[in-house]
Amino acid sequence: MADKIEKILEETSTCHSMNTTAEKMIIAAKTIEHIENNSHLMQEIINVIRQGAITDLAKLLDHPSAPFLIVALETCHKKKEIGFGLSPKNKLINHQVSEVQELIYSTSSLCVFARNTKKG
């Protein structure tokens, strides 16, 4: 599954620059959109989160936007904003802004998280 996510991150980053934190967050948000539209991959990720293995997944992802993606997926799962009966269009309209806001507010803790996952 990490390979699938890494591939989506790479594909998304070819269309967007990654020079700033905000740009990395945008790539994470676009990757979430892609994941939300792939119900099988979404279910795999939900299972990983439920099993408490999200930290292991984070360690396998080697991409500048990965820490933002991991925190966003955890946050969305906790709020049950993704993968629970909303159409992709409604998820995009109703949740993309809140996901990006969560990412912005989490920036400082994400920097610490990123450093810790790379050390482990």
PDB file of N, CA and C in Angstrom:
ATOM      1  N   MET A   1       0.810  -1.184   0.000  1.00  0.00           N
ATOM      2  CA  MET A   1       0.000   0.000   0.000  1.00  0.00           C
ATOM      3  C   MET A   1       0.865   1.263   0.000  1.00  0.00           C
ATOM      4  N   ALA A   2       1.975   1.257   0.698  1.00  0.00           N
ATOM      5  CA  ALA A   2       2.856   2.426   0.717  1.00  0.00           C
ATOM      6  C   ALA A   2       3.314   2.769  -0.698  1.00  0.00           C
ATOM      7  N   ASP A   3       3.579   1.755  -1.505  1.00  0.00           N
ATOM      8  CA  ASP A   3       3.988   1.999  -2.887  1.00  0.00           C
ATOM      9  C   ASP A   3       2.902   2.720  -3.674  1.00  0.00           C
ATOM     10  N   LYS A   4       1.649   2.322  -3.456  1.00  0.00           N
ATOM     11  CA  LYS A   4       0.532   2.970  -4.143  1.00  0.00           C
ATOM     12  C   LYS A   4       0.434   4.436  -3.749  1.00  0.00           C
ATOM     13  N   ILE A   5       0.549   4.702  -2.465  1.00  0.00           N
ATOM     14  CA  ILE A   5       0.456   6.080  -1.979  1.00  0.00           C
ATOM     15  C   ILE A   5       1.635   6.901  -2.481  1.00  0.00           C
ATOM     16  N   GLU A   6       2.816   6.317  -2.435  1.00  0.00           N
ATOM     17  CA  GLU A   6       4.022   7.003  -2.926  1.00  0.00           C
ATOM     18  C   GLU A   6       3.859   7.363  -4.396  1.00  0.00           C
ATOM     19  N   LYS A   7       3.306   6.462  -5.174  1.00  0.00           N
ATOM     20  CA  LYS A   7       3.096   6.720  -6.602  1.00  0.00           C
ATOM     21  C   LYS A   7       2.125   7.878  -6.809  1.00  0.00           C
ATOM     22  N   ILE A   8       1.053   7.915  -6.031  1.00  0.00           N
ATOM     23  CA  ILE A   8       0.086   9.009  -6.140  1.00  0.00           C
ATOM     24  C   ILE A   8       0.752  10.334  -5.760  1.00  0.00           C
ATOM     25  N   LEU A   9       1.529  10.321  -4.684  1.00  0.00           N
ATOM     26  CA  LEU A   9       2.255  11.536  -4.282  1.00  0.00           C
ATOM     27  C   LEU A   9       3.185  12.007  -5.397  1.00  0.00           C
ATOM     28  N   GLU A  10       3.918  11.081  -5.994  1.00  0.00           N
ATOM     29  CA  GLU A  10       4.848  11.431  -7.075  1.00  0.00           C
ATOM     30  C   GLU A  10       4.108  11.991  -8.284  1.00  0.00           C
ATOM     31  N   GLU A  11       3.004  11.341  -8.670  1.00  0.00           N
ATOM     32  CA  GLU A  11       2.230  11.820  -9.813  1.00  0.00           C
ATOM     33  C   GLU A  11       1.672  13.211  -9.552  1.00  0.00           C
ATOM     34  N   THR A  12       1.184  13.429  -8.352  1.00  0.00           N
ATOM     35  CA  THR A  12       0.621  14.724  -8.003  1.00  0.00           C
ATOM     36  C   THR A  12       1.700  15.800  -7.977  1.00  0.00           C
ATOM     37  N   SER A  13       2.867  15.460  -7.489  1.00  0.00           N
ATOM     38  CA  SER A  13       3.922  16.461  -7.379  1.00  0.00           C
ATOM     39  C   SER A  13       4.528  16.839  -8.726  1.00  0.00           C
ATOM     40  N   THR A  14       4.293  16.041  -9.764  1.00  0.00           N
ATOM     41  CA  THR A  14       4.793  16.428 -11.088  1.00  0.00           C
ATOM     42  C   THR A  14       3.997  17.606 -11.650  1.00  0.00           C
ATOM     43  N   CYS A  15       2.783  17.811 -11.145  1.00  0.00           N
ATOM     44  CA  CYS A  15       1.919  18.893 -11.616  1.00  0.00           C
ATOM     45  C   CYS A  15       2.008  20.143 -10.747  1.00  0.00           C
ATOM     46  N   HIS A  16       2.675  20.046  -9.605  1.00  0.00           N
ATOM     47  CA  HIS A  16       2.744  21.153  -8.649  1.00  0.00           C
ATOM     48  C   HIS A  16       4.171  21.280  -8.128  1.00  0.00           C
ATOM     49  N   SER A  17       4.566  22.515  -7.855  1.00  0.00           N
ATOM     50  CA  SER A  17       5.890  22.697  -7.254  1.00  0.00           C
ATOM     51  C   SER A  17       5.817  22.365  -5.767  1.00  0.00           C
ATOM     52  N   MET A  18       6.985  22.111  -5.159  1.00  0.00           N
ATOM     53  CA  MET A  18       7.057  21.750  -3.742  1.00  0.00           C
ATOM     54  C   MET A  18       8.078  22.622  -3.030  1.00  0.00           C
ATOM     55  N   ASN A  19       8.102  23.896  -3.345  1.00  0.00           N
ATOM     56  CA  ASN A  19       9.100  24.789  -2.769  1.00  0.00           C
ATOM     57  C   ASN A  19       8.719  25.310  -1.393  1.00  0.00           C
ATOM     58  N   THR A  20       7.444  25.362  -1.097  1.00  0.00           N
ATOM     59  CA  THR A  20       6.998  25.915   0.189  1.00  0.00           C
ATOM     60  C   THR A  20       6.178  24.880   0.947  1.00  0.00           C
ATOM     61  N   THR A  21       5.989  25.145   2.213  1.00  0.00           N
ATOM     62  CA  THR A  21       5.149  24.267   3.036  1.00  0.00           C
ATOM     63  C   THR A  21       3.731  24.220   2.482  1.00  0.00           C
ATOM     64  N   ALA A  22       3.214  25.366   2.081  1.00  0.00           N
ATOM     65  CA  ALA A  22       1.848  25.417   1.536  1.00  0.00           C
ATOM     66  C   ALA A  22       1.716  24.546   0.286  1.00  0.00           C
ATOM     67  N   GLU A  23       2.728  24.566  -0.562  1.00  0.00           N
ATOM     68  CA  GLU A  23       2.684  23.745  -1.775  1.00  0.00           C
ATOM     69  C   GLU A  23       2.721  22.252  -1.439  1.00  0.00           C
ATOM     70  N   LYS A  24       3.488  21.892  -0.419  1.00  0.00           N
ATOM     71  CA  LYS A  24       3.517  20.496   0.020  1.00  0.00           C
ATOM     72  C   LYS A  24       2.157  20.082   0.577  1.00  0.00           C
ATOM     73  N   MET A  25       1.495  21.006   1.269  1.00  0.00           N
ATOM     74  CA  MET A  25       0.162  20.729   1.799  1.00  0.00           C
ATOM     75  C   MET A  25      -0.854  20.552   0.676  1.00  0.00           C
ATOM     76  N   ILE A  26      -0.713  21.344  -0.368  1.00  0.00           N
ATOM     77  CA  ILE A  26      -1.616  21.214  -1.518  1.00  0.00           C
ATOM     78  C   ILE A  26      -1.456  19.844  -2.162  1.00  0.00           C
ATOM     79  N   ILE A  27      -0.227  19.391  -2.297  1.00  0.00           N
ATOM     80  CA  ILE A  27       0.017  18.056  -2.862  1.00  0.00           C
ATOM     81  C   ILE A  27      -0.627  16.991  -1.987  1.00  0.00           C
ATOM     82  N   ALA A  28      -0.516  17.150  -0.673  1.00  0.00           N
ATOM     83  CA  ALA A  28      -1.160  16.193   0.241  1.00  0.00           C
ATOM     84  C   ALA A  28      -2.674  16.225   0.061  1.00  0.00           C
ATOM     85  N   ALA A  29      -3.250  17.424  -0.055  1.00  0.00           N
ATOM     86  CA  ALA A  29      -4.704  17.540  -0.235  1.00  0.00           C
ATOM     87  C   ALA A  29      -5.150  16.913  -1.554  1.00  0.00           C
ATOM     88  N   LYS A  30      -4.384  17.143  -2.617  1.00  0.00           N
ATOM     89  CA  LYS A  30      -4.714  16.539  -3.918  1.00  0.00           C
ATOM     90  C   LYS A  30      -4.584  15.014  -3.858  1.00  0.00           C
ATOM     91  N   THR A  31      -3.623  14.521  -3.111  1.00  0.00           N
ATOM     92  CA  THR A  31      -3.453  13.077  -2.950  1.00  0.00           C
ATOM     93  C   THR A  31      -4.643  12.499  -2.192  1.00  0.00           C
ATOM     94  N   ILE A  32      -5.119  13.206  -1.184  1.00  0.00           N
ATOM     95  CA  ILE A  32      -6.306  12.756  -0.449  1.00  0.00           C
ATOM     96  C   ILE A  32      -7.506  12.674  -1.379  1.00  0.00           C
ATOM     97  N   GLU A  33      -7.665  13.667  -2.249  1.00  0.00           N
ATOM     98  CA  GLU A  33      -8.763  13.622  -3.223  1.00  0.00           C
ATOM     99  C   GLU A  33      -8.687  12.340  -4.047  1.00  0.00           C
ATOM    100  N   HIS A  34      -7.490  12.025  -4.514  1.00  0.00           N
ATOM    101  CA  HIS A  34      -7.305  10.818  -5.328  1.00  0.00           C
ATOM    102  C   HIS A  34      -7.638   9.561  -4.517  1.00  0.00           C
ATOM    103  N   ILE A  35      -7.169   9.516  -3.293  1.00  0.00           N
ATOM    104  CA  ILE A  35      -7.430   8.358  -2.427  1.00  0.00           C
ATOM    105  C   ILE A  35      -8.917   8.212  -2.148  1.00  0.00           C
ATOM    106  N   GLU A  36      -9.605   9.330  -1.899  1.00  0.00           N
ATOM    107  CA  GLU A  36     -11.043   9.285  -1.620  1.00  0.00           C
ATOM    108  C   GLU A  36     -11.832   8.713  -2.789  1.00  0.00           C
ATOM    109  N   ASN A  37     -11.303   8.881  -3.999  1.00  0.00           N
ATOM    110  CA  ASN A  37     -11.982   8.369  -5.186  1.00  0.00           C
ATOM    111  C   ASN A  37     -11.623   6.919  -5.491  1.00  0.00           C
ATOM    112  N   ASN A  38     -10.771   6.317  -4.679  1.00  0.00           N
ATOM    113  CA  ASN A  38     -10.384   4.919  -4.840  1.00  0.00           C
ATOM    114  C   ASN A  38     -10.836   4.180  -3.573  1.00  0.00           C
ATOM    115  N   SER A  39     -12.040   3.636  -3.605  1.00  0.00           N
ATOM    116  CA  SER A  39     -12.630   3.055  -2.396  1.00  0.00           C
ATOM    117  C   SER A  39     -11.799   1.904  -1.831  1.00  0.00           C
ATOM    118  N   HIS A  40     -11.161   1.122  -2.689  1.00  0.00           N
ATOM    119  CA  HIS A  40     -10.337   0.008  -2.203  1.00  0.00           C
ATOM    120  C   HIS A  40      -9.124   0.528  -1.421  1.00  0.00           C
ATOM    121  N   LEU A  41      -8.423   1.492  -1.993  1.00  0.00           N
ATOM    122  CA  LEU A  41      -7.271   2.068  -1.314  1.00  0.00           C
ATOM    123  C   LEU A  41      -7.701   2.776  -0.036  1.00  0.00           C
ATOM    124  N   MET A  42      -8.821   3.474  -0.089  1.00  0.00           N
ATOM    125  CA  MET A  42      -9.326   4.152   1.099  1.00  0.00           C
ATOM    126  C   MET A  42      -9.592   3.153   2.218  1.00  0.00           C
ATOM    127  N   GLN A  43     -10.191   2.030   1.886  1.00  0.00           N
ATOM    128  CA  GLN A  43     -10.481   1.019   2.901  1.00  0.00           C
ATOM    129  C   GLN A  43      -9.188   0.445   3.478  1.00  0.00           C
ATOM    130  N   GLU A  44      -8.192   0.236   2.621  1.00  0.00           N
ATOM    131  CA  GLU A  44      -6.896  -0.236   3.108  1.00  0.00           C
ATOM    132  C   GLU A  44      -6.299   0.749   4.115  1.00  0.00           C
ATOM    133  N   ILE A  45      -6.371   2.027   3.812  1.00  0.00           N
ATOM    134  CA  ILE A  45      -5.825   3.055   4.702  1.00  0.00           C
ATOM    135  C   ILE A  45      -6.602   3.110   6.005  1.00  0.00           C
ATOM    136  N   ILE A  46      -7.925   3.045   5.927  1.00  0.00           N
ATOM    137  CA  ILE A  46      -8.755   3.038   7.137  1.00  0.00           C
ATOM    138  C   ILE A  46      -8.373   1.856   8.019  1.00  0.00           C
ATOM    139  N   ASN A  47      -8.158   0.698   7.414  1.00  0.00           N
ATOM    140  CA  ASN A  47      -7.752  -0.487   8.181  1.00  0.00           C
ATOM    141  C   ASN A  47      -6.401  -0.280   8.858  1.00  0.00           C
ATOM    142  N   VAL A  48      -5.471   0.347   8.148  1.00  0.00           N
ATOM    143  CA  VAL A  48      -4.155   0.625   8.733  1.00  0.00           C
ATOM    144  C   VAL A  48      -4.309   1.551   9.935  1.00  0.00           C
ATOM    145  N   ILE A  49      -5.130   2.580   9.793  1.00  0.00           N
ATOM    146  CA  ILE A  49      -5.349   3.521  10.894  1.00  0.00           C
ATOM    147  C   ILE A  49      -5.998   2.801  12.083  1.00  0.00           C
ATOM    148  N   ARG A  50      -7.003   1.990  11.800  1.00  0.00           N
ATOM    149  CA  ARG A  50      -7.685   1.258  12.873  1.00  0.00           C
ATOM    150  C   ARG A  50      -6.753   0.286  13.591  1.00  0.00           C
ATOM    151  N   GLN A  51      -5.800  -0.275  12.863  1.00  0.00           N
ATOM    152  CA  GLN A  51      -4.848  -1.223  13.461  1.00  0.00           C
ATOM    153  C   GLN A  51      -3.701  -0.518  14.170  1.00  0.00           C
ATOM    154  N   GLY A  52      -3.684   0.791  14.098  1.00  0.00           N
ATOM    155  CA  GLY A  52      -2.620   1.540  14.760  1.00  0.00           C
ATOM    156  C   GLY A  52      -1.282   1.481  14.049  1.00  0.00           C
ATOM    157  N   ALA A  53      -1.286   1.176  12.775  1.00  0.00           N
ATOM    158  CA  ALA A  53      -0.035   1.015  12.029  1.00  0.00           C
ATOM    159  C   ALA A  53       0.289   2.223  11.156  1.00  0.00           C
ATOM    160  N   ILE A  54      -0.357   3.341  11.412  1.00  0.00           N
ATOM    161  CA  ILE A  54      -0.137   4.522  10.577  1.00  0.00           C
ATOM    162  C   ILE A  54       1.300   5.030  10.695  1.00  0.00           C
ATOM    163  N   THR A  55       1.927   4.898  11.859  1.00  0.00           N
ATOM    164  CA  THR A  55       3.319   5.325  12.026  1.00  0.00           C
ATOM    165  C   THR A  55       4.239   4.480  11.158  1.00  0.00           C
ATOM    166  N   ASP A  56       3.962   3.190  11.069  1.00  0.00           N
ATOM    167  CA  ASP A  56       4.758   2.318  10.206  1.00  0.00           C
ATOM    168  C   ASP A  56       4.607   2.732   8.744  1.00  0.00           C
ATOM    169  N   LEU A  57       3.371   3.064   8.344  1.00  0.00           N
ATOM    170  CA  LEU A  57       3.139   3.523   6.985  1.00  0.00           C
ATOM    171  C   LEU A  57       3.904   4.812   6.724  1.00  0.00           C
ATOM    172  N   ALA A  58       3.878   5.730   7.682  1.00  0.00           N
ATOM    173  CA  ALA A  58       4.575   7.011   7.525  1.00  0.00           C
ATOM    174  C   ALA A  58       6.072   6.800   7.302  1.00  0.00           C
ATOM    175  N   LYS A  59       6.646   5.835   7.973  1.00  0.00           N
ATOM    176  CA  LYS A  59       8.083   5.558   7.831  1.00  0.00           C
ATOM    177  C   LYS A  59       8.430   5.037   6.440  1.00  0.00           C
ATOM    178  N   LEU A  60       7.470   4.422   5.782  1.00  0.00           N
ATOM    179  CA  LEU A  60       7.714   3.853   4.455  1.00  0.00           C
ATOM    180  C   LEU A  60       7.584   4.891   3.334  1.00  0.00           C
ATOM    181  N   LEU A  61       6.938   6.008   3.628  1.00  0.00           N
ATOM    182  CA  LEU A  61       6.721   7.030   2.609  1.00  0.00           C
ATOM    183  C   LEU A  61       7.887   8.007   2.604  1.00  0.00           C
ATOM    184  N   ASP A  62       8.542   8.116   1.465  1.00  0.00           N
ATOM    185  CA  ASP A  62       9.690   9.004   1.331  1.00  0.00           C
ATOM    186  C   ASP A  62       9.335  10.108   0.338  1.00  0.00           C
ATOM    187  N   HIS A  63       8.563  11.082   0.818  1.00  0.00           N
ATOM    188  CA  HIS A  63       8.119  12.193  -0.019  1.00  0.00           C
ATOM    189  C   HIS A  63       7.933  13.411   0.867  1.00  0.00           C
ATOM    190  N   PRO A  64       8.289  14.589   0.402  1.00  0.00           N
ATOM    191  CA  PRO A  64       8.165  15.785   1.226  1.00  0.00           C
ATOM    192  C   PRO A  64       6.741  16.086   1.720  1.00  0.00           C
ATOM    193  N   SER A  65       5.736  15.624   1.007  1.00  0.00           N
ATOM    194  CA  SER A  65       4.347  15.866   1.410  1.00  0.00           C
ATOM    195  C   SER A  65       3.779  14.758   2.294  1.00  0.00           C
ATOM    196  N   ALA A  66       4.510  13.683   2.465  1.00  0.00           N
ATOM    197  CA  ALA A  66       4.003  12.536   3.222  1.00  0.00           C
ATOM    198  C   ALA A  66       3.591  12.869   4.653  1.00  0.00           C
ATOM    199  N   PRO A  67       4.367  13.635   5.408  1.00  0.00           N
ATOM    200  CA  PRO A  67       3.930  13.936   6.780  1.00  0.00           C
ATOM    201  C   PRO A  67       2.585  14.661   6.827  1.00  0.00           C
ATOM    202  N   PHE A  68       2.366  15.579   5.880  1.00  0.00           N
ATOM    203  CA  PHE A  68       1.096  16.292   5.816  1.00  0.00           C
ATOM    204  C   PHE A  68      -0.039  15.336   5.473  1.00  0.00           C
ATOM    205  N   LEU A  69       0.231  14.427   4.562  1.00  0.00           N
ATOM    206  CA  LEU A  69      -0.768  13.437   4.165  1.00  0.00           C
ATOM    207  C   LEU A  69      -1.147  12.539   5.333  1.00  0.00           C
ATOM    208  N   ILE A  70      -0.179  12.044   6.063  1.00  0.00           N
ATOM    209  CA  ILE A  70      -0.437  11.141   7.187  1.00  0.00           C
ATOM    210  C   ILE A  70      -1.289  11.826   8.244  1.00  0.00           C
ATOM    211  N   VAL A  71      -0.923  13.044   8.617  1.00  0.00           N
ATOM    212  CA  VAL A  71      -1.702  13.764   9.635  1.00  0.00           C
ATOM    213  C   VAL A  71      -3.113  14.047   9.128  1.00  0.00           C
ATOM    214  N   ALA A  72      -3.236  14.413   7.864  1.00  0.00           N
ATOM    215  CA  ALA A  72      -4.564  14.679   7.304  1.00  0.00           C
ATOM    216  C   ALA A  72      -5.430  13.416   7.306  1.00  0.00           C
ATOM    217  N   LEU A  73      -4.852  12.296   6.934  1.00  0.00           N
ATOM    218  CA  LEU A  73      -5.612  11.045   6.930  1.00  0.00           C
ATOM    219  C   LEU A  73      -6.065  10.671   8.340  1.00  0.00           C
ATOM    220  N   GLU A  74      -5.163  10.819   9.311  1.00  0.00           N
ATOM    221  CA  GLU A  74      -5.533  10.524  10.700  1.00  0.00           C
ATOM    222  C   GLU A  74      -6.629  11.457  11.183  1.00  0.00           C
ATOM    223  N   THR A  75      -6.489  12.741  10.894  1.00  0.00           N
ATOM    224  CA  THR A  75      -7.469  13.736  11.326  1.00  0.00           C
ATOM    225  C   THR A  75      -8.824  13.474  10.686  1.00  0.00           C
ATOM    226  N   CYS A  76      -8.807  13.215   9.398  1.00  0.00           N
ATOM    227  CA  CYS A  76     -10.062  12.962   8.691  1.00  0.00           C
ATOM    228  C   CYS A  76     -10.736  11.700   9.209  1.00  0.00           C
ATOM    229  N   HIS A  77      -9.935  10.687   9.481  1.00  0.00           N
ATOM    230  CA  HIS A  77     -10.514   9.446  10.000  1.00  0.00           C
ATOM    231  C   HIS A  77     -11.131   9.681  11.368  1.00  0.00           C
ATOM    232  N   LYS A  78     -10.438  10.423  12.222  1.00  0.00           N
ATOM    233  CA  LYS A  78     -10.967  10.710  13.549  1.00  0.00           C
ATOM    234  C   LYS A  78     -12.272  11.481  13.481  1.00  0.00           C
ATOM    235  N   LYS A  79     -12.377  12.368  12.508  1.00  0.00           N
ATOM    236  CA  LYS A  79     -13.600  13.157  12.347  1.00  0.00           C
ATOM    237  C   LYS A  79     -14.626  12.433  11.474  1.00  0.00           C
ATOM    238  N   LYS A  80     -14.227  11.279  10.948  1.00  0.00           N
ATOM    239  CA  LYS A  80     -15.082  10.485  10.061  1.00  0.00           C
ATOM    240  C   LYS A  80     -15.543  11.300   8.858  1.00  0.00           C
ATOM    241  N   GLU A  81     -14.613  12.080   8.323  1.00  0.00           N
ATOM    242  CA  GLU A  81     -14.924  12.922   7.175  1.00  0.00           C
ATOM    243  C   GLU A  81     -14.693  12.218   5.848  1.00  0.00           C
ATOM    244  N   ILE A  82     -13.925  11.139   5.866  1.00  0.00           N
ATOM    245  CA  ILE A  82     -13.647  10.474   4.603  1.00  0.00           C
ATOM    246  C   ILE A  82     -14.082   9.021   4.666  1.00  0.00           C
ATOM    247  N   GLY A  83     -14.562   8.526   3.572  1.00  0.00           N
ATOM    248  CA  GLY A  83     -14.859   7.117   3.455  1.00  0.00           C
ATOM    249  C   GLY A  83     -16.119   6.647   4.158  1.00  0.00           C
ATOM    250  N   PHE A  84     -17.020   7.546   4.511  1.00  0.00           N
ATOM    251  CA  PHE A  84     -18.199   7.116   5.242  1.00  0.00           C
ATOM    252  C   PHE A  84     -19.482   7.656   4.621  1.00  0.00           C
ATOM    253  N   GLY A  85     -19.731   7.331   3.373  1.00  0.00           N
ATOM    254  CA  GLY A  85     -21.015   7.566   2.758  1.00  0.00           C
ATOM    255  C   GLY A  85     -21.192   8.871   2.011  1.00  0.00           C
ATOM    256  N   LEU A  86     -20.218   9.715   1.938  1.00  0.00           N
ATOM    257  CA  LEU A  86     -20.344  10.933   1.165  1.00  0.00           C
ATOM    258  C   LEU A  86     -19.872  10.672  -0.252  1.00  0.00           C
ATOM    259  N   SER A  87     -20.527  11.316  -1.216  1.00  0.00           N
ATOM    260  CA  SER A  87     -20.070  11.179  -2.591  1.00  0.00           C
ATOM    261  C   SER A  87     -18.749  11.920  -2.743  1.00  0.00           C
ATOM    262  N   PRO A  88     -17.933  11.519  -3.714  1.00  0.00           N
ATOM    263  CA  PRO A  88     -16.655  12.224  -3.908  1.00  0.00           C
ATOM    264  C   PRO A  88     -16.829  13.726  -4.107  1.00  0.00           C
ATOM    265  N   LYS A  89     -17.871  14.120  -4.836  1.00  0.00           N
ATOM    266  CA  LYS A  89     -18.095  15.547  -5.073  1.00  0.00           C
ATOM    267  C   LYS A  89     -18.402  16.269  -3.761  1.00  0.00           C
ATOM    268  N   ASN A  90     -19.273  15.701  -2.942  1.00  0.00           N
ATOM    269  CA  ASN A  90     -19.601  16.328  -1.668  1.00  0.00           C
ATOM    270  C   ASN A  90     -18.411  16.342  -0.723  1.00  0.00           C
ATOM    271  N   LYS A  91     -17.618  15.264  -0.730  1.00  0.00           N
ATOM    272  CA  LYS A  91     -16.424  15.242   0.115  1.00  0.00           C
ATOM    273  C   LYS A  91     -15.488  16.375  -0.282  1.00  0.00           C
ATOM    274  N   LEU A  92     -15.314  16.551  -1.585  1.00  0.00           N
ATOM    275  CA  LEU A  92     -14.427  17.599  -2.058  1.00  0.00           C
ATOM    276  C   LEU A  92     -14.936  18.966  -1.644  1.00  0.00           C
ATOM    277  N   ILE A  93     -16.200  19.227  -1.875  1.00  0.00           N
ATOM    278  CA  ILE A  93     -16.783  20.529  -1.560  1.00  0.00           C
ATOM    279  C   ILE A  93     -16.789  20.790  -0.064  1.00  0.00           C
ATOM    280  N   ASN A  94     -17.221  19.814   0.713  1.00  0.00           N
ATOM    281  CA  ASN A  94     -17.412  20.012   2.144  1.00  0.00           C
ATOM    282  C   ASN A  94     -16.151  19.899   2.978  1.00  0.00           C
ATOM    283  N   HIS A  95     -15.136  19.200   2.480  1.00  0.00           N
ATOM    284  CA  HIS A  95     -14.026  18.871   3.358  1.00  0.00           C
ATOM    285  C   HIS A  95     -12.649  19.329   2.916  1.00  0.00           C
ATOM    286  N   GLN A  96     -12.482  19.684   1.673  1.00  0.00           N
ATOM    287  CA  GLN A  96     -11.151  20.067   1.226  1.00  0.00           C
ATOM    288  C   GLN A  96     -10.636  21.275   2.001  1.00  0.00           C
ATOM    289  N   VAL A  97     -11.483  22.264   2.204  1.00  0.00           N
ATOM    290  CA  VAL A  97     -11.053  23.452   2.935  1.00  0.00           C
ATOM    291  C   VAL A  97     -10.687  23.093   4.370  1.00  0.00           C
ATOM    292  N   SER A  98     -11.513  22.295   5.032  1.00  0.00           N
ATOM    293  CA  SER A  98     -11.197  21.949   6.419  1.00  0.00           C
ATOM    294  C   SER A  98      -9.944  21.083   6.510  1.00  0.00           C
ATOM    295  N   GLU A  99      -9.705  20.230   5.525  1.00  0.00           N
ATOM    296  CA  GLU A  99      -8.499  19.418   5.532  1.00  0.00           C
ATOM    297  C   GLU A  99      -7.258  20.299   5.417  1.00  0.00           C
ATOM    298  N   VAL A 100      -7.297  21.266   4.519  1.00  0.00           N
ATOM    299  CA  VAL A 100      -6.159  22.158   4.354  1.00  0.00           C
ATOM    300  C   VAL A 100      -5.960  23.005   5.609  1.00  0.00           C
ATOM    301  N   GLN A 101      -7.061  23.468   6.217  1.00  0.00           N
ATOM    302  CA  GLN A 101      -6.942  24.229   7.457  1.00  0.00           C
ATOM    303  C   GLN A 101      -6.297  23.383   8.549  1.00  0.00           C
ATOM    304  N   GLU A 102      -6.724  22.146   8.676  1.00  0.00           N
ATOM    305  CA  GLU A 102      -6.108  21.252   9.664  1.00  0.00           C
ATOM    306  C   GLU A 102      -4.621  21.093   9.392  1.00  0.00           C
ATOM    307  N   LEU A 103      -4.265  20.977   8.122  1.00  0.00           N
ATOM    308  CA  LEU A 103      -2.851  20.839   7.773  1.00  0.00           C
ATOM    309  C   LEU A 103      -2.061  22.081   8.164  1.00  0.00           C
ATOM    310  N   ILE A 104      -2.641  23.238   7.913  1.00  0.00           N
ATOM    311  CA  ILE A 104      -1.950  24.483   8.248  1.00  0.00           C
ATOM    312  C   ILE A 104      -1.755  24.583   9.755  1.00  0.00           C
ATOM    313  N   TYR A 105      -2.803  24.296  10.518  1.00  0.00           N
ATOM    314  CA  TYR A 105      -2.707  24.375  11.975  1.00  0.00           C
ATOM    315  C   TYR A 105      -1.742  23.334  12.540  1.00  0.00           C
ATOM    316  N   SER A 106      -1.524  22.255  11.823  1.00  0.00           N
ATOM    317  CA  SER A 106      -0.668  21.184  12.326  1.00  0.00           C
ATOM    318  C   SER A 106       0.781  21.301  11.872  1.00  0.00           C
ATOM    319  N   THR A 107       1.120  22.360  11.174  1.00  0.00           N
ATOM    320  CA  THR A 107       2.446  22.484  10.577  1.00  0.00           C
ATOM    321  C   THR A 107       3.571  22.291  11.583  1.00  0.00           C
ATOM    322  N   SER A 108       3.485  22.948  12.728  1.00  0.00           N
ATOM    323  CA  SER A 108       4.594  22.859  13.676  1.00  0.00           C
ATOM    324  C   SER A 108       4.749  21.438  14.211  1.00  0.00           C
ATOM    325  N   SER A 109       3.638  20.774  14.523  1.00  0.00           N
ATOM    326  CA  SER A 109       3.758  19.404  15.014  1.00  0.00           C
ATOM    327  C   SER A 109       4.179  18.455  13.905  1.00  0.00           C
ATOM    328  N   LEU A 110       3.849  18.783  12.667  1.00  0.00           N
ATOM    329  CA  LEU A 110       4.256  17.941  11.548  1.00  0.00           C
ATOM    330  C   LEU A 110       5.762  17.967  11.340  1.00  0.00           C
ATOM    331  N   CYS A 111       6.357  19.124  11.552  1.00  0.00           N
ATOM    332  CA  CYS A 111       7.812  19.204  11.400  1.00  0.00           C
ATOM    333  C   CYS A 111       8.496  18.286  12.405  1.00  0.00           C
ATOM    334  N   VAL A 112       8.003  18.279  13.622  1.00  0.00           N
ATOM    335  CA  VAL A 112       8.547  17.389  14.644  1.00  0.00           C
ATOM    336  C   VAL A 112       8.284  15.942  14.257  1.00  0.00           C
ATOM    337  N   PHE A 113       7.065  15.642  13.809  1.00  0.00           N
ATOM    338  CA  PHE A 113       6.701  14.283  13.399  1.00  0.00           C
ATOM    339  C   PHE A 113       7.611  13.813  12.265  1.00  0.00           C
ATOM    340  N   ALA A 114       7.840  14.673  11.288  1.00  0.00           N
ATOM    341  CA  ALA A 114       8.674  14.291  10.146  1.00  0.00           C
ATOM    342  C   ALA A 114      10.095  13.969  10.580  1.00  0.00           C
ATOM    343  N   ARG A 115      10.632  14.803  11.469  1.00  0.00           N
ATOM    344  CA  ARG A 115      11.989  14.533  11.946  1.00  0.00           C
ATOM    345  C   ARG A 115      12.032  13.223  12.720  1.00  0.00           C
ATOM    346  N   ASN A 116      11.020  12.962  13.544  1.00  0.00           N
ATOM    347  CA  ASN A 116      11.011  11.746  14.362  1.00  0.00           C
ATOM    348  C   ASN A 116      10.856  10.493  13.508  1.00  0.00           C
ATOM    349  N   THR A 117      10.025  10.543  12.464  1.00  0.00           N
ATOM    350  CA  THR A 117       9.835   9.347  11.635  1.00  0.00           C
ATOM    351  C   THR A 117      11.069   9.042  10.814  1.00  0.00           C
ATOM    352  N   LYS A 118      11.802  10.039  10.406  1.00  0.00           N
ATOM    353  CA  LYS A 118      13.013   9.804   9.618  1.00  0.00           C
ATOM    354  C   LYS A 118      14.140   9.266  10.500  1.00  0.00           C
ATOM    355  N   LYS A 119      14.139   9.605  11.790  1.00  0.00           N
ATOM    356  CA  LYS A 119      15.162   9.114  12.697  1.00  0.00           C
ATOM    357  C   LYS A 119      14.969   7.644  13.013  1.00  0.00           C
ATOM    358  N   GLY A 120      13.664   7.233  13.133  1.00  0.00           N
ATOM    359  CA  GLY A 120      13.347   5.877  13.568  1.00  0.00           C
ATOM    360  C   GLY A 120      13.727   4.857  12.582  1.00  0.00           C
TER     361      GLY A 120
END
